[in-house]
Structure formats: structure tokens, C-alpha cells
Protein backbone atom coordinates (compact mmCIF):
# COMPACT_ATOMS: atom_id res chain seq x y z
CA MET A 1 4.09 2.35 14.97
CA ILE A 2 2.51 5.13 17.20
CA ARG A 3 4.43 3.55 20.32
CA GLN A 4 7.48 3.29 18.61
CA ALA A 5 7.11 7.05 17.17
CA LEU A 6 6.54 8.17 20.41
CA ASP A 7 9.29 6.37 22.18
CA THR A 8 11.53 7.32 19.58
CA VAL A 9 10.56 11.09 18.84
CA PRO A 10 10.27 13.44 22.57
CA GLN A 11 8.30 16.06 20.84
CA LEU A 12 5.14 13.66 20.58
CA ALA A 13 2.52 12.85 22.77
CA TYR A 14 -0.55 10.44 22.44
CA SER A 15 -4.16 11.73 23.54
CA VAL A 16 -6.19 8.82 24.90
CA SER A 17 -9.49 8.30 22.71
CA ALA A 18 -12.96 7.82 24.68
CA THR A 19 -15.16 4.87 23.32
CA THR A 20 -18.25 2.99 24.13
CA ARG A 21 -17.13 -0.31 23.18
CA GLU A 22 -16.28 -2.82 25.84
CA PRO A 23 -12.53 -3.49 26.94
CA ARG A 24 -10.53 -6.12 25.16
CA PRO A 25 -8.52 -8.24 27.33
CA GLY A 26 -5.64 -6.35 28.98
CA GLU A 27 -6.92 -2.76 28.00
CA VAL A 28 -6.82 -0.60 30.59
CA ASN A 29 -9.02 2.22 31.35
CA GLY A 30 -7.55 5.63 30.75
CA GLN A 31 -4.14 4.06 29.11
CA HIS A 32 -5.73 2.30 26.17
CA TYR A 33 -9.01 4.01 25.90
CA ILE A 34 -11.30 5.83 28.21
CA PHE A 35 -14.02 3.52 28.23
CA LEU A 36 -17.79 5.21 28.77
CA SER A 37 -21.50 4.05 28.45
CA ARG A 38 -23.30 5.23 25.40
CA GLU A 39 -25.45 7.88 27.66
CA GLU A 40 -21.96 9.58 29.07
CA PHE A 41 -20.31 9.55 25.54
CA GLU A 42 -23.66 11.32 24.25
CA ARG A 43 -23.66 13.74 27.39
CA TRP A 44 -19.74 14.86 26.51
CA ILE A 45 -20.71 15.39 22.87
CA GLU A 46 -23.82 17.41 24.18
CA ALA A 47 -20.97 19.69 26.44
CA GLY A 48 -18.75 20.19 23.36
CA TYR A 49 -15.99 18.03 25.02
CA PHE A 50 -14.64 16.40 22.06
CA LEU A 51 -12.48 17.93 19.18
CA GLU A 52 -13.95 14.90 17.31
CA TRP A 53 -15.89 11.85 17.37
CA ALA A 54 -17.93 9.39 15.20
CA GLU A 55 -19.68 5.76 15.45
CA TYR A 56 -17.67 3.12 13.86
CA SER A 57 -18.87 -0.38 13.84
CA GLY A 58 -21.50 0.67 16.06
CA ASN A 59 -19.63 2.13 18.57
CA LEU A 60 -18.95 5.57 19.60
CA TYR A 61 -14.73 6.95 19.64
CA GLY A 62 -13.63 10.57 20.01
CA THR A 63 -10.94 12.44 21.37
CA PRO A 64 -11.40 14.78 23.97
CA GLU A 65 -10.42 18.30 23.14
CA HIS A 66 -9.04 19.64 26.30
CA ARG A 67 -6.29 16.75 26.84
CA VAL A 68 -5.37 17.64 23.15
CA GLU A 69 -4.76 21.31 24.06
CA GLU A 70 -3.04 20.46 27.30
CA LEU A 71 -0.39 18.78 25.20
CA MET A 72 -0.10 21.49 22.50
CA ASP A 73 0.53 24.15 25.26
CA SER A 74 3.07 22.14 26.81
CA GLY A 75 4.81 22.38 23.33
CA LEU A 76 4.13 18.76 21.97
CA SER A 77 2.55 17.54 18.75
CA VAL A 78 -0.04 15.46 19.55
CA ILE A 79 -1.06 11.92 18.18
CA LEU A 80 -4.54 10.86 17.16
CA GLU A 81 -5.13 7.69 16.44
CA ILE A 82 -9.09 8.01 14.79
CA GLU A 83 -10.44 6.79 11.44
CA LEU A 84 -11.95 8.88 8.63
CA GLN A 85 -15.05 10.51 9.87
CA GLY A 86 -12.87 11.80 12.90
CA ALA A 87 -10.18 13.02 10.43
CA ARG A 88 -12.40 14.95 8.67
CA LYS A 89 -13.64 16.47 11.50
CA VAL A 90 -10.29 17.19 12.83
CA ARG A 91 -9.52 18.92 9.58
CA GLU A 92 -12.52 20.93 9.85
CA LYS A 93 -11.48 22.20 13.41
CA ARG A 94 -8.08 22.35 12.73
CA PRO A 95 -7.02 22.85 9.05
CA ASP A 96 -3.15 23.20 10.25
CA ALA A 97 -3.48 19.50 11.20
CA VAL A 98 -0.88 16.96 9.48
CA MET A 99 -2.89 13.70 8.78
CA VAL A 100 -1.13 10.63 8.21
CA PHE A 101 -3.26 7.70 6.55
CA VAL A 102 -2.01 4.13 7.95
CA ARG A 103 -2.80 1.32 6.02
CA ALA A 104 -2.44 -2.49 5.39
CA PRO A 105 -0.94 -3.11 2.02
CA SER A 106 -3.88 -4.61 0.69
CA LEU A 107 -7.89 -5.10 1.70
CA GLU A 108 -7.16 -8.80 1.82
CA GLU A 109 -4.32 -8.72 4.37
CA THR A 110 -6.71 -6.30 6.01
CA ARG A 111 -9.45 -8.70 6.25
CA ARG A 112 -6.55 -11.41 7.60
CA ARG A 113 -5.75 -9.04 10.03
CA LEU A 114 -9.21 -8.74 11.42
CA GLU A 115 -10.20 -12.28 11.39
CA GLY A 116 -6.81 -13.38 13.06
CA ARG A 117 -7.16 -11.04 15.80
CA ALA A 118 -10.45 -13.51 17.06
CA THR A 119 -11.93 -10.50 18.73
CA GLU A 120 -14.64 -9.62 15.88
CA THR A 121 -17.78 -11.34 15.11
CA SER A 122 -17.88 -12.16 11.65
CA ASP A 123 -20.77 -9.29 11.24
CA ALA A 124 -18.01 -7.21 12.66
CA VAL A 125 -15.30 -7.92 10.33
CA GLU A 126 -17.94 -7.27 7.39
CA SER A 127 -18.69 -3.76 8.89
CA ARG A 128 -14.99 -3.16 9.28
CA MET A 129 -14.25 -4.04 5.71
CA THR A 130 -16.75 -1.95 4.25
CA THR A 131 -15.40 0.81 6.18
CA ALA A 132 -11.89 -0.04 4.78
CA LEU A 133 -13.15 0.21 1.62
CA LYS A 134 -14.47 3.65 2.13
CA GLU A 135 -11.10 4.93 4.50
CA VAL A 136 -9.28 3.70 1.25
CA ALA A 137 -11.04 5.45 -1.21
CA ALA A 138 -10.24 8.77 0.81
CA ARG A 139 -6.69 8.12 1.30
CA GLU A 140 -6.05 11.16 -1.04
CA GLU A 141 -7.61 13.50 1.86
CA PHE A 142 -4.39 12.64 3.61
CA ASP A 143 -0.90 14.70 3.74
CA HIS A 144 1.10 11.26 3.75
CA GLU A 145 0.84 7.87 3.81
CA VAL A 146 2.16 4.78 5.48
CA ILE A 147 2.08 1.32 4.18
CA ASN A 148 2.13 -1.24 7.21
CA ALA A 149 3.41 -4.51 5.08
CA ASP A 150 5.77 -5.16 7.98
CA ARG A 151 5.86 -3.97 11.44
CA ASP A 152 9.46 -3.12 11.91
CA ARG A 153 9.70 -1.28 8.68
CA ALA A 154 6.15 0.77 9.03
CA GLY A 155 7.46 1.52 12.38
CA GLU A 156 10.52 2.99 10.64
CA ASP A 157 8.67 5.05 8.49
CA MET A 158 6.44 6.14 11.20
CA ILE A 159 9.28 7.55 12.96
CA GLU A 160 11.15 8.91 10.04
CA LEU A 161 7.85 10.94 9.13
CA MET A 162 7.35 11.98 12.63
CA ARG A 163 10.86 13.52 12.77
CA LYS A 164 10.13 15.20 9.78
CA ILE A 165 6.59 16.39 10.82
CA VAL A 166 7.74 18.00 14.06
CA GLY A 167 11.15 19.29 13.09
CA GLY A 168 11.02 20.16 9.82
CA GLU A 169 8.98 20.59 6.64
CA ASP A 170 5.39 20.30 8.33
CA ALA A 171 6.45 21.77 11.89
CA GLU A 172 4.54 24.58 10.73
CA ARG A 173 1.09 22.83 10.34
CA THR A 174 1.20 20.26 13.73
């Protein structure tokens, strides 16, 4: 969905997150994530490099603030792919941010997708499911919601929403 929106709405940019998790097959450092050791990530935290950061399923994830600022200074609206803890931190630092909650149509579908990836241990799936329950319970904190039941439809919904945000009613809050 994010890739479709970025490919279709020229006013959008994507900020690559940093993480301490191991790369999955095919992931490229600096393109999919900035892969850091836990020690290096913690140094970045102490140096104040992150707009937001959070621990998720035993790994640290964060958004380098300087990159977001660079993109916004160039006139672009920036998409962050973050979870609930991070979204709350962004809301604290940037109350003008427009928040979009993306979810599967059901928790059962969330589990099916996690298990279908075959990249997670059963403990990791259970941890992610516990987190998913908390996230769904907090969806009212967001400005918009996209339900990812069908990839094509969800992509179209995201594109429509992004066009509205960068060029319309929410543009002053982007």
C-alpha cells in the first residue's frame, strides 16, 4: 500500500526506519531498514537522533528525525511505517501529524498472515498477536483507518487517502 501511494502521489516520500532485528532474505540495508546493532541503536537514542523509537517483539525500531526534516523541508509529506508506541511518540512531538491506522480485517487474518510468512517463531507470532490486540484497541487515536482485506482495494484506498491528505482537507496537518 505504501509503495503504491509513493509511486502514485508525487508529493509523498518514505522515511526508512532503523531496526536492531536481523535482515530478512532480500532486505537491503538503507533501502528496507537501516540495520543497527542494539548498542549502536542505543547510542542513537542517547544522541537524540530519533523522531520516535520503540521496542516491538524484542527488537528496537526508530525513525531518524533528520531524514524526516530533510524531506519535509524539500516540500514533501513523509510516510512513516511505525507501530502504536511510535505513533504516540510522533503525536507528542508533532501534533500536526496525520495518523493512518492500517489493519487486517480481523485478528484471525492477522494471525494467518503472520504464520504464512514463515519468518516468525511461534513465540514471536504470539508476541505480535498480543501487540495487535493492543493496537486494534487504540485505533480511535488515529485520524484515518485503512482496512487491508484485499491488497488492490487497500492500495487504492491508501492512494485516495494520501491524495486527500497532501492536497486537501488534511493538508495543513501533514
